[in-house]
Amino acid sequence: MSEMSLKRAIQGLNQSGASVKIGIVRSGNPLLIALQNDGKVTLGERSLCVPQHLRDYGVKLSIPSLSLSADDATVHGALQSGEKVYLVCLEKEKKYVVIGRVVA
């Protein structure tokens, strides 16, 4: 997705009542995220939608040039305590979609 189409997608969300916020991961397991500008609000897994790339997950791995393969390799992408993340807040749903890590 190009930068311009991503920008348009986020602007479209804002027109529908959604907003983008920054959260701070307080705990990775169980996942708890506090809103950066409102320390009183801590979101648990029931309120969060977290994509696969921000979790640990298994994959099949094959590198033919090295004759290497694994049926159950783990990609360690889980959110860690102290990391900042972008959240899209869907006001009507009271759900927050984690869209990525904040990279300074």
PDB file of N, CA and C in Angstrom:
ATOM      1  N   MET A   1       0.857  -1.176   0.000  1.00  0.00           N
ATOM      2  CA  MET A   1       0.000   0.000   0.000  1.00  0.00           C
ATOM      3  C   MET A   1       0.895   1.227   0.000  1.00  0.00           C
ATOM      4  N   SER A   2       0.603   2.171  -0.874  1.00  0.00           N
ATOM      5  CA  SER A   2       1.416   3.374  -0.945  1.00  0.00           C
ATOM      6  C   SER A   2       1.129   4.298   0.230  1.00  0.00           C
ATOM      7  N   GLU A   3       2.061   5.225   0.483  1.00  0.00           N
ATOM      8  CA  GLU A   3       1.892   6.164   1.584  1.00  0.00           C
ATOM      9  C   GLU A   3       0.625   6.996   1.402  1.00  0.00           C
ATOM     10  N   MET A   4       0.351   7.410   0.170  1.00  0.00           N
ATOM     11  CA  MET A   4      -0.812   8.247  -0.082  1.00  0.00           C
ATOM     12  C   MET A   4      -2.108   7.472   0.175  1.00  0.00           C
ATOM     13  N   SER A   5      -2.200   6.224  -0.239  1.00  0.00           N
ATOM     14  CA  SER A   5      -3.435   5.479  -0.015  1.00  0.00           C
ATOM     15  C   SER A   5      -3.618   5.153   1.462  1.00  0.00           C
ATOM     16  N   LEU A   6      -2.533   4.940   2.207  1.00  0.00           N
ATOM     17  CA  LEU A   6      -2.625   4.725   3.644  1.00  0.00           C
ATOM     18  C   LEU A   6      -3.151   5.991   4.320  1.00  0.00           C
ATOM     19  N   LYS A   7      -2.636   7.133   3.887  1.00  0.00           N
ATOM     20  CA  LYS A   7      -3.097   8.418   4.434  1.00  0.00           C
ATOM     21  C   LYS A   7      -4.590   8.593   4.177  1.00  0.00           C
ATOM     22  N   ARG A   8      -5.032   8.287   2.982  1.00  0.00           N
ATOM     23  CA  ARG A   8      -6.463   8.421   2.646  1.00  0.00           C
ATOM     24  C   ARG A   8      -7.313   7.459   3.476  1.00  0.00           C
ATOM     25  N   ALA A   9      -6.800   6.258   3.698  1.00  0.00           N
ATOM     26  CA  ALA A   9      -7.539   5.277   4.494  1.00  0.00           C
ATOM     27  C   ALA A   9      -7.731   5.770   5.921  1.00  0.00           C
ATOM     28  N   ILE A  10      -6.682   6.332   6.502  1.00  0.00           N
ATOM     29  CA  ILE A  10      -6.784   6.844   7.877  1.00  0.00           C
ATOM     30  C   ILE A  10      -7.708   8.048   7.930  1.00  0.00           C
ATOM     31  N   GLN A  11      -7.627   8.921   6.933  1.00  0.00           N
ATOM     32  CA  GLN A  11      -8.534  10.071   6.899  1.00  0.00           C
ATOM     33  C   GLN A  11      -9.981   9.607   6.778  1.00  0.00           C
ATOM     34  N   GLY A  12     -10.211   8.560   6.013  1.00  0.00           N
ATOM     35  CA  GLY A  12     -11.560   8.015   5.887  1.00  0.00           C
ATOM     36  C   GLY A  12     -12.085   7.482   7.207  1.00  0.00           C
ATOM     37  N   LEU A  13     -11.208   6.863   7.994  1.00  0.00           N
ATOM     38  CA  LEU A  13     -11.610   6.395   9.315  1.00  0.00           C
ATOM     39  C   LEU A  13     -11.999   7.561  10.204  1.00  0.00           C
ATOM     40  N   ASN A  14     -11.234   8.642  10.132  1.00  0.00           N
ATOM     41  CA  ASN A  14     -11.520   9.802  10.969  1.00  0.00           C
ATOM     42  C   ASN A  14     -12.889  10.395  10.646  1.00  0.00           C
ATOM     43  N   GLN A  15     -13.295  10.339   9.383  1.00  0.00           N
ATOM     44  CA  GLN A  15     -14.597  10.862   8.996  1.00  0.00           C
ATOM     45  C   GLN A  15     -15.725   9.995   9.537  1.00  0.00           C
ATOM     46  N   SER A  16     -15.444   8.742   9.831  1.00  0.00           N
ATOM     47  CA  SER A  16     -16.486   7.838  10.323  1.00  0.00           C
ATOM     48  C   SER A  16     -16.531   7.781  11.846  1.00  0.00           C
ATOM     49  N   GLY A  17     -15.807   8.672  12.528  1.00  0.00           N
ATOM     50  CA  GLY A  17     -15.848   8.701  13.981  1.00  0.00           C
ATOM     51  C   GLY A  17     -14.702   7.973  14.644  1.00  0.00           C
ATOM     52  N   ALA A  18     -13.770   7.464  13.871  1.00  0.00           N
ATOM     53  CA  ALA A  18     -12.608   6.774  14.431  1.00  0.00           C
ATOM     54  C   ALA A  18     -11.513   7.793  14.699  1.00  0.00           C
ATOM     55  N   SER A  19     -10.619   7.456  15.615  1.00  0.00           N
ATOM     56  CA  SER A  19      -9.499   8.336  15.897  1.00  0.00           C
ATOM     57  C   SER A  19      -8.244   7.504  16.107  1.00  0.00           C
ATOM     58  N   VAL A  20      -7.092   8.118  15.868  1.00  0.00           N
ATOM     59  CA  VAL A  20      -5.808   7.435  16.054  1.00  0.00           C
ATOM     60  C   VAL A  20      -5.198   7.930  17.356  1.00  0.00           C
ATOM     61  N   LYS A  21      -4.808   6.998  18.209  1.00  0.00           N
ATOM     62  CA  LYS A  21      -4.227   7.319  19.505  1.00  0.00           C
ATOM     63  C   LYS A  21      -2.911   6.566  19.664  1.00  0.00           C
ATOM     64  N   ILE A  22      -2.128   6.968  20.664  1.00  0.00           N
ATOM     65  CA  ILE A  22      -0.902   6.256  20.995  1.00  0.00           C
ATOM     66  C   ILE A  22      -1.100   5.591  22.343  1.00  0.00           C
ATOM     67  N   GLY A  23      -0.691   4.337  22.436  1.00  0.00           N
ATOM     68  CA  GLY A  23      -0.781   3.585  23.680  1.00  0.00           C
ATOM     69  C   GLY A  23       0.591   3.095  24.100  1.00  0.00           C
ATOM     70  N   ILE A  24       0.724   2.788  25.382  1.00  0.00           N
ATOM     71  CA  ILE A  24       1.967   2.253  25.930  1.00  0.00           C
ATOM     72  C   ILE A  24       1.657   0.864  26.481  1.00  0.00           C
ATOM     73  N   VAL A  25       2.410  -0.136  26.030  1.00  0.00           N
ATOM     74  CA  VAL A  25       2.200  -1.505  26.494  1.00  0.00           C
ATOM     75  C   VAL A  25       2.648  -1.587  27.956  1.00  0.00           C
ATOM     76  N   ARG A  26       1.729  -1.947  28.832  1.00  0.00           N
ATOM     77  CA  ARG A  26       2.040  -2.104  30.258  1.00  0.00           C
ATOM     78  C   ARG A  26       2.425  -3.540  30.583  1.00  0.00           C
ATOM     79  N   SER A  27       1.865  -4.483  29.808  1.00  0.00           N
ATOM     80  CA  SER A  27       2.159  -5.901  30.018  1.00  0.00           C
ATOM     81  C   SER A  27       1.977  -6.627  28.695  1.00  0.00           C
ATOM     82  N   GLY A  28       2.888  -7.564  28.421  1.00  0.00           N
ATOM     83  CA  GLY A  28       2.772  -8.349  27.194  1.00  0.00           C
ATOM     84  C   GLY A  28       1.888  -9.570  27.362  1.00  0.00           C
ATOM     85  N   ASN A  29       1.865 -10.133  28.572  1.00  0.00           N
ATOM     86  CA  ASN A  29       1.065 -11.324  28.825  1.00  0.00           C
ATOM     87  C   ASN A  29       0.552 -11.309  30.255  1.00  0.00           C
ATOM     88  N   PRO A  30      -0.712 -11.006  30.486  1.00  0.00           N
ATOM     89  CA  PRO A  30      -1.733 -10.682  29.494  1.00  0.00           C
ATOM     90  C   PRO A  30      -1.482  -9.299  28.896  1.00  0.00           C
ATOM     91  N   LEU A  31      -1.926  -9.113  27.669  1.00  0.00           N
ATOM     92  CA  LEU A  31      -1.702  -7.845  26.986  1.00  0.00           C
ATOM     93  C   LEU A  31      -2.540  -6.746  27.612  1.00  0.00           C
ATOM     94  N   LEU A  32      -1.862  -5.689  28.078  1.00  0.00           N
ATOM     95  CA  LEU A  32      -2.509  -4.510  28.631  1.00  0.00           C
ATOM     96  C   LEU A  32      -1.852  -3.288  28.021  1.00  0.00           C
ATOM     97  N   ILE A  33      -2.664  -2.381  27.475  1.00  0.00           N
ATOM     98  CA  ILE A  33      -2.154  -1.164  26.848  1.00  0.00           C
ATOM     99  C   ILE A  33      -2.860   0.033  27.471  1.00  0.00           C
ATOM    100  N   ALA A  34      -2.071   1.006  27.963  1.00  0.00           N
ATOM    101  CA  ALA A  34      -2.614   2.239  28.534  1.00  0.00           C
ATOM    102  C   ALA A  34      -2.569   3.330  27.472  1.00  0.00           C
ATOM    103  N   LEU A  35      -3.592   4.153  27.406  1.00  0.00           N
ATOM    104  CA  LEU A  35      -3.584   5.282  26.482  1.00  0.00           C
ATOM    105  C   LEU A  35      -2.579   6.309  26.979  1.00  0.00           C
ATOM    106  N   GLN A  36      -1.754   6.829  26.068  1.00  0.00           N
ATOM    107  CA  GLN A  36      -0.661   7.711  26.444  1.00  0.00           C
ATOM    108  C   GLN A  36      -1.119   8.964  27.179  1.00  0.00           C
ATOM    109  N   ASN A  37      -2.161   9.595  26.731  1.00  0.00           N
ATOM    110  CA  ASN A  37      -2.598  10.853  27.338  1.00  0.00           C
ATOM    111  C   ASN A  37      -3.708  10.668  28.369  1.00  0.00           C
ATOM    112  N   ASP A  38      -4.015   9.425  28.698  1.00  0.00           N
ATOM    113  CA  ASP A  38      -5.040   9.142  29.700  1.00  0.00           C
ATOM    114  C   ASP A  38      -4.641   7.888  30.463  1.00  0.00           C
ATOM    115  N   GLY A  39      -3.765   8.063  31.453  1.00  0.00           N
ATOM    116  CA  GLY A  39      -3.234   6.941  32.212  1.00  0.00           C
ATOM    117  C   GLY A  39      -4.291   6.150  32.965  1.00  0.00           C
ATOM    118  N   LYS A  40      -5.504   6.701  33.080  1.00  0.00           N
ATOM    119  CA  LYS A  40      -6.576   6.006  33.786  1.00  0.00           C
ATOM    120  C   LYS A  40      -7.184   4.898  32.941  1.00  0.00           C
ATOM    121  N   VAL A  41      -7.011   4.975  31.622  1.00  0.00           N
ATOM    122  CA  VAL A  41      -7.609   3.994  30.719  1.00  0.00           C
ATOM    123  C   VAL A  41      -6.575   2.938  30.345  1.00  0.00           C
ATOM    124  N   THR A  42      -6.832   1.701  30.764  1.00  0.00           N
ATOM    125  CA  THR A  42      -5.990   0.574  30.386  1.00  0.00           C
ATOM    126  C   THR A  42      -6.855  -0.427  29.631  1.00  0.00           C
ATOM    127  N   LEU A  43      -6.410  -0.791  28.448  1.00  0.00           N
ATOM    128  CA  LEU A  43      -7.168  -1.684  27.571  1.00  0.00           C
ATOM    129  C   LEU A  43      -6.666  -3.106  27.708  1.00  0.00           C
ATOM    130  N   GLY A  44      -7.586  -4.042  27.848  1.00  0.00           N
ATOM    131  CA  GLY A  44      -7.253  -5.457  27.899  1.00  0.00           C
ATOM    132  C   GLY A  44      -7.545  -6.127  26.570  1.00  0.00           C
ATOM    133  N   GLU A  45      -7.310  -7.421  26.513  1.00  0.00           N
ATOM    134  CA  GLU A  45      -7.456  -8.148  25.247  1.00  0.00           C
ATOM    135  C   GLU A  45      -8.872  -8.118  24.690  1.00  0.00           C
ATOM    136  N   ARG A  46      -9.884  -7.973  25.531  1.00  0.00           N
ATOM    137  CA  ARG A  46     -11.272  -7.906  25.043  1.00  0.00           C
ATOM    138  C   ARG A  46     -11.527  -6.648  24.231  1.00  0.00           C
ATOM    139  N   SER A  47     -10.780  -5.584  24.516  1.00  0.00           N
ATOM    140  CA  SER A  47     -10.976  -4.306  23.827  1.00  0.00           C
ATOM    141  C   SER A  47     -10.034  -4.123  22.650  1.00  0.00           C
ATOM    142  N   LEU A  48      -9.122  -5.064  22.447  1.00  0.00           N
ATOM    143  CA  LEU A  48      -8.068  -4.902  21.447  1.00  0.00           C
ATOM    144  C   LEU A  48      -8.190  -5.906  20.315  1.00  0.00           C
ATOM    145  N   CYS A  49      -7.856  -5.442  19.131  1.00  0.00           N
ATOM    146  CA  CYS A  49      -7.696  -6.317  17.969  1.00  0.00           C
ATOM    147  C   CYS A  49      -6.237  -6.170  17.547  1.00  0.00           C
ATOM    148  N   VAL A  50      -5.479  -7.256  17.675  1.00  0.00           N
ATOM    149  CA  VAL A  50      -4.035  -7.210  17.434  1.00  0.00           C
ATOM    150  C   VAL A  50      -3.707  -8.083  16.224  1.00  0.00           C
ATOM    151  N   PRO A  51      -3.069  -7.509  15.189  1.00  0.00           N
ATOM    152  CA  PRO A  51      -2.734  -8.298  14.004  1.00  0.00           C
ATOM    153  C   PRO A  51      -1.627  -9.318  14.292  1.00  0.00           C
ATOM    154  N   GLN A  52      -1.536 -10.304  13.436  1.00  0.00           N
ATOM    155  CA  GLN A  52      -0.592 -11.406  13.617  1.00  0.00           C
ATOM    156  C   GLN A  52       0.854 -10.928  13.751  1.00  0.00           C
ATOM    157  N   HIS A  53       1.252  -9.910  12.989  1.00  0.00           N
ATOM    158  CA  HIS A  53       2.658  -9.502  13.019  1.00  0.00           C
ATOM    159  C   HIS A  53       3.065  -8.859  14.347  1.00  0.00           C
ATOM    160  N   LEU A  54       2.090  -8.579  15.215  1.00  0.00           N
ATOM    161  CA  LEU A  54       2.389  -8.021  16.536  1.00  0.00           C
ATOM    162  C   LEU A  54       2.179  -9.064  17.637  1.00  0.00           C
ATOM    163  N   ARG A  55       2.203 -10.319  17.261  1.00  0.00           N
ATOM    164  CA  ARG A  55       2.104 -11.461  18.183  1.00  0.00           C
ATOM    165  C   ARG A  55       3.207 -12.456  17.835  1.00  0.00           C
ATOM    166  N   ASP A  56       3.493 -13.376  18.729  1.00  0.00           N
ATOM    167  CA  ASP A  56       4.349 -14.510  18.377  1.00  0.00           C
ATOM    168  C   ASP A  56       3.495 -15.484  17.565  1.00  0.00           C
ATOM    169  N   TYR A  57       4.059 -16.022  16.493  1.00  0.00           N
ATOM    170  CA  TYR A  57       3.299 -16.974  15.692  1.00  0.00           C
ATOM    171  C   TYR A  57       4.242 -17.953  15.002  1.00  0.00           C
ATOM    172  N   GLY A  58       3.709 -19.103  14.643  1.00  0.00           N
ATOM    173  CA  GLY A  58       4.497 -20.150  14.004  1.00  0.00           C
ATOM    174  C   GLY A  58       4.395 -20.103  12.493  1.00  0.00           C
ATOM    175  N   VAL A  59       5.488 -20.487  11.847  1.00  0.00           N
ATOM    176  CA  VAL A  59       5.531 -20.554  10.387  1.00  0.00           C
ATOM    177  C   VAL A  59       6.325 -21.779   9.962  1.00  0.00           C
ATOM    178  N   LYS A  60       6.077 -22.219   8.742  1.00  0.00           N
ATOM    179  CA  LYS A  60       6.940 -23.221   8.125  1.00  0.00           C
ATOM    180  C   LYS A  60       8.064 -22.475   7.445  1.00  0.00           C
ATOM    181  N   LEU A  61       9.277 -22.956   7.603  1.00  0.00           N
ATOM    182  CA  LEU A  61      10.450 -22.260   7.097  1.00  0.00           C
ATOM    183  C   LEU A  61      11.252 -23.195   6.210  1.00  0.00           C
ATOM    184  N   SER A  62      11.662 -22.677   5.066  1.00  0.00           N
ATOM    185  CA  SER A  62      12.474 -23.476   4.148  1.00  0.00           C
ATOM    186  C   SER A  62      13.479 -22.573   3.452  1.00  0.00           C
ATOM    187  N   ILE A  63      14.754 -22.946   3.533  1.00  0.00           N
ATOM    188  CA  ILE A  63      15.818 -22.238   2.821  1.00  0.00           C
ATOM    189  C   ILE A  63      16.555 -23.283   1.983  1.00  0.00           C
ATOM    190  N   PRO A  64      16.100 -23.481   0.743  1.00  0.00           N
ATOM    191  CA  PRO A  64      16.655 -24.550  -0.101  1.00  0.00           C
ATOM    192  C   PRO A  64      18.160 -24.438  -0.323  1.00  0.00           C
ATOM    193  N   SER A  65      18.687 -23.231  -0.465  1.00  0.00           N
ATOM    194  CA  SER A  65      20.120 -23.081  -0.739  1.00  0.00           C
ATOM    195  C   SER A  65      20.980 -23.563   0.430  1.00  0.00           C
ATOM    196  N   LEU A  66      20.398 -23.639   1.610  1.00  0.00           N
ATOM    197  CA  LEU A  66      21.123 -24.134   2.788  1.00  0.00           C
ATOM    198  C   LEU A  66      20.631 -25.512   3.216  1.00  0.00           C
ATOM    199  N   SER A  67      19.722 -26.081   2.434  1.00  0.00           N
ATOM    200  CA  SER A  67      19.095 -27.361   2.783  1.00  0.00           C
ATOM    201  C   SER A  67      18.540 -27.331   4.200  1.00  0.00           C
ATOM    202  N   LEU A  68      17.887 -26.236   4.518  1.00  0.00           N
ATOM    203  CA  LEU A  68      17.354 -26.025   5.858  1.00  0.00           C
ATOM    204  C   LEU A  68      15.841 -25.905   5.789  1.00  0.00           C
ATOM    205  N   SER A  69      15.157 -26.590   6.713  1.00  0.00           N
ATOM    206  CA  SER A  69      13.712 -26.444   6.802  1.00  0.00           C
ATOM    207  C   SER A  69      13.281 -26.704   8.237  1.00  0.00           C
ATOM    208  N   ALA A  70      12.180 -26.098   8.597  1.00  0.00           N
ATOM    209  CA  ALA A  70      11.590 -26.300   9.919  1.00  0.00           C
ATOM    210  C   ALA A  70      10.086 -26.203   9.775  1.00  0.00           C
ATOM    211  N   ASP A  71       9.387 -27.149  10.365  1.00  0.00           N
ATOM    212  CA  ASP A  71       7.929 -27.150  10.277  1.00  0.00           C
ATOM    213  C   ASP A  71       7.288 -26.222  11.292  1.00  0.00           C
ATOM    214  N   ASP A  72       8.019 -25.848  12.328  1.00  0.00           N
ATOM    215  CA  ASP A  72       7.413 -25.050  13.389  1.00  0.00           C
ATOM    216  C   ASP A  72       8.392 -24.004  13.919  1.00  0.00           C
ATOM    217  N   ALA A  73       8.783 -23.070  13.055  1.00  0.00           N
ATOM    218  CA  ALA A  73       9.645 -21.961  13.494  1.00  0.00           C
ATOM    219  C   ALA A  73       8.751 -20.879  14.091  1.00  0.00           C
ATOM    220  N   THR A  74       9.243 -20.187  15.100  1.00  0.00           N
ATOM    221  CA  THR A  74       8.460 -19.136  15.748  1.00  0.00           C
ATOM    222  C   THR A  74       8.999 -17.768  15.386  1.00  0.00           C
ATOM    223  N   VAL A  75       8.098 -16.884  14.956  1.00  0.00           N
ATOM    224  CA  VAL A  75       8.429 -15.485  14.722  1.00  0.00           C
ATOM    225  C   VAL A  75       8.037 -14.741  15.998  1.00  0.00           C
ATOM    226  N   HIS A  76       9.021 -14.105  16.632  1.00  0.00           N
ATOM    227  CA  HIS A  76       8.789 -13.411  17.895  1.00  0.00           C
ATOM    228  C   HIS A  76       8.472 -11.945  17.621  1.00  0.00           C
ATOM    229  N   GLY A  77       7.187 -11.651  17.462  1.00  0.00           N
ATOM    230  CA  GLY A  77       6.759 -10.287  17.169  1.00  0.00           C
ATOM    231  C   GLY A  77       5.870  -9.693  18.245  1.00  0.00           C
ATOM    232  N   ALA A  78       5.702 -10.426  19.361  1.00  0.00           N
ATOM    233  CA  ALA A  78       4.771  -9.990  20.402  1.00  0.00           C
ATOM    234  C   ALA A  78       5.179  -8.649  20.999  1.00  0.00           C
ATOM    235  N   LEU A  79       4.176  -7.886  21.361  1.00  0.00           N
ATOM    236  CA  LEU A  79       4.409  -6.588  21.999  1.00  0.00           C
ATOM    237  C   LEU A  79       5.022  -6.786  23.375  1.00  0.00           C
ATOM    238  N   GLN A  80       5.955  -5.901  23.708  1.00  0.00           N
ATOM    239  CA  GLN A  80       6.674  -5.983  24.973  1.00  0.00           C
ATOM    240  C   GLN A  80       6.358  -4.765  25.832  1.00  0.00           C
ATOM    241  N   SER A  81       6.441  -4.947  27.125  1.00  0.00           N
ATOM    242  CA  SER A  81       6.198  -3.864  28.069  1.00  0.00           C
ATOM    243  C   SER A  81       7.085  -2.665  27.750  1.00  0.00           C
ATOM    244  N   GLY A  82       6.485  -1.485  27.742  1.00  0.00           N
ATOM    245  CA  GLY A  82       7.216  -0.250  27.471  1.00  0.00           C
ATOM    246  C   GLY A  82       7.151   0.222  26.030  1.00  0.00           C
ATOM    247  N   GLU A  83       6.774  -0.658  25.106  1.00  0.00           N
ATOM    248  CA  GLU A  83       6.667  -0.243  23.704  1.00  0.00           C
ATOM    249  C   GLU A  83       5.454   0.667  23.511  1.00  0.00           C
ATOM    250  N   LYS A  84       5.573   1.588  22.558  1.00  0.00           N
ATOM    251  CA  LYS A  84       4.459   2.443  22.184  1.00  0.00           C
ATOM    252  C   LYS A  84       3.860   1.907  20.891  1.00  0.00           C
ATOM    253  N   VAL A  85       2.529   1.998  20.793  1.00  0.00           N
ATOM    254  CA  VAL A  85       1.816   1.501  19.618  1.00  0.00           C
ATOM    255  C   VAL A  85       0.785   2.516  19.150  1.00  0.00           C
ATOM    256  N   TYR A  86       0.482   2.464  17.853  1.00  0.00           N
ATOM    257  CA  TYR A  86      -0.613   3.249  17.295  1.00  0.00           C
ATOM    258  C   TYR A  86      -1.899   2.434  17.428  1.00  0.00           C
ATOM    259  N   LEU A  87      -2.952   3.091  17.855  1.00  0.00           N
ATOM    260  CA  LEU A  87      -4.260   2.456  18.007  1.00  0.00           C
ATOM    261  C   LEU A  87      -5.288   3.237  17.207  1.00  0.00           C
ATOM    262  N   VAL A  88      -6.151   2.542  16.493  1.00  0.00           N
ATOM    263  CA  VAL A  88      -7.304   3.182  15.866  1.00  0.00           C
ATOM    264  C   VAL A  88      -8.487   2.849  16.751  1.00  0.00           C
ATOM    265  N   CYS A  89      -9.113   3.890  17.259  1.00  0.00           N
ATOM    266  CA  CYS A  89     -10.253   3.734  18.163  1.00  0.00           C
ATOM    267  C   CYS A  89     -11.541   3.814  17.357  1.00  0.00           C
ATOM    268  N   LEU A  90     -12.326   2.772  17.429  1.00  0.00           N
ATOM    269  CA  LEU A  90     -13.621   2.753  16.766  1.00  0.00           C
ATOM    270  C   LEU A  90     -14.662   3.096  17.825  1.00  0.00           C
ATOM    271  N   GLU A  91     -15.032   4.370  17.897  1.00  0.00           N
ATOM    272  CA  GLU A  91     -15.864   4.901  18.982  1.00  0.00           C
ATOM    273  C   GLU A  91     -17.154   4.112  19.193  1.00  0.00           C
ATOM    274  N   LYS A  92     -17.853   3.834  18.120  1.00  0.00           N
ATOM    275  CA  LYS A  92     -19.134   3.155  18.266  1.00  0.00           C
ATOM    276  C   LYS A  92     -18.962   1.744  18.811  1.00  0.00           C
ATOM    277  N   GLU A  93     -17.866   1.098  18.425  1.00  0.00           N
ATOM    278  CA  GLU A  93     -17.630  -0.286  18.820  1.00  0.00           C
ATOM    279  C   GLU A  93     -16.931  -0.405  20.171  1.00  0.00           C
ATOM    280  N   LYS A  94     -16.280   0.675  20.611  1.00  0.00           N
ATOM    281  CA  LYS A  94     -15.444   0.640  21.816  1.00  0.00           C
ATOM    282  C   LYS A  94     -14.345  -0.409  21.664  1.00  0.00           C
ATOM    283  N   LYS A  95     -13.863  -0.546  20.441  1.00  0.00           N
ATOM    284  CA  LYS A  95     -12.771  -1.455  20.123  1.00  0.00           C
ATOM    285  C   LYS A  95     -11.584  -0.638  19.659  1.00  0.00           C
ATOM    286  N   TYR A  96     -10.403  -1.137  19.927  1.00  0.00           N
ATOM    287  CA  TYR A  96      -9.160  -0.478  19.507  1.00  0.00           C
ATOM    288  C   TYR A  96      -8.377  -1.464  18.655  1.00  0.00           C
ATOM    289  N   VAL A  97      -7.988  -1.035  17.467  1.00  0.00           N
ATOM    290  CA  VAL A  97      -7.192  -1.860  16.566  1.00  0.00           C
ATOM    291  C   VAL A  97      -5.740  -1.375  16.652  1.00  0.00           C
ATOM    292  N   VAL A  98      -4.854  -2.285  17.036  1.00  0.00           N
ATOM    293  CA  VAL A  98      -3.432  -1.940  17.100  1.00  0.00           C
ATOM    294  C   VAL A  98      -2.909  -2.032  15.676  1.00  0.00           C
ATOM    295  N   ILE A  99      -2.394  -0.907  15.142  1.00  0.00           N
ATOM    296  CA  ILE A  99      -1.970  -0.922  13.737  1.00  0.00           C
ATOM    297  C   ILE A  99      -0.456  -0.966  13.570  1.00  0.00           C
ATOM    298  N   GLY A 100       0.282  -0.780  14.647  1.00  0.00           N
ATOM    299  CA  GLY A 100       1.741  -0.892  14.523  1.00  0.00           C
ATOM    300  C   GLY A 100       2.471  -0.271  15.699  1.00  0.00           C
ATOM    301  N   ARG A 101       3.765  -0.538  15.742  1.00  0.00           N
ATOM    302  CA  ARG A 101       4.631   0.050  16.763  1.00  0.00           C
ATOM    303  C   ARG A 101       4.991   1.475  16.391  1.00  0.00           C
ATOM    304  N   VAL A 102       5.166   2.322  17.401  1.00  0.00           N
ATOM    305  CA  VAL A 102       5.693   3.670  17.184  1.00  0.00           C
ATOM    306  C   VAL A 102       7.201   3.543  17.155  1.00  0.00           C
ATOM    307  N   VAL A 103       7.811   3.969  16.061  1.00  0.00           N
ATOM    308  CA  VAL A 103       9.261   3.920  15.921  1.00  0.00           C
ATOM    309  C   VAL A 103       9.772   5.344  15.939  1.00  0.00           C
ATOM    310  N   ALA A 104      10.612   5.649  16.907  1.00  0.00           N
ATOM    311  CA  ALA A 104      11.119   7.022  17.049  1.00  0.00           C
ATOM    312  C   ALA A 104      12.278   7.283  16.130  1.00  0.00           C
TER     313      ALA A 104
END
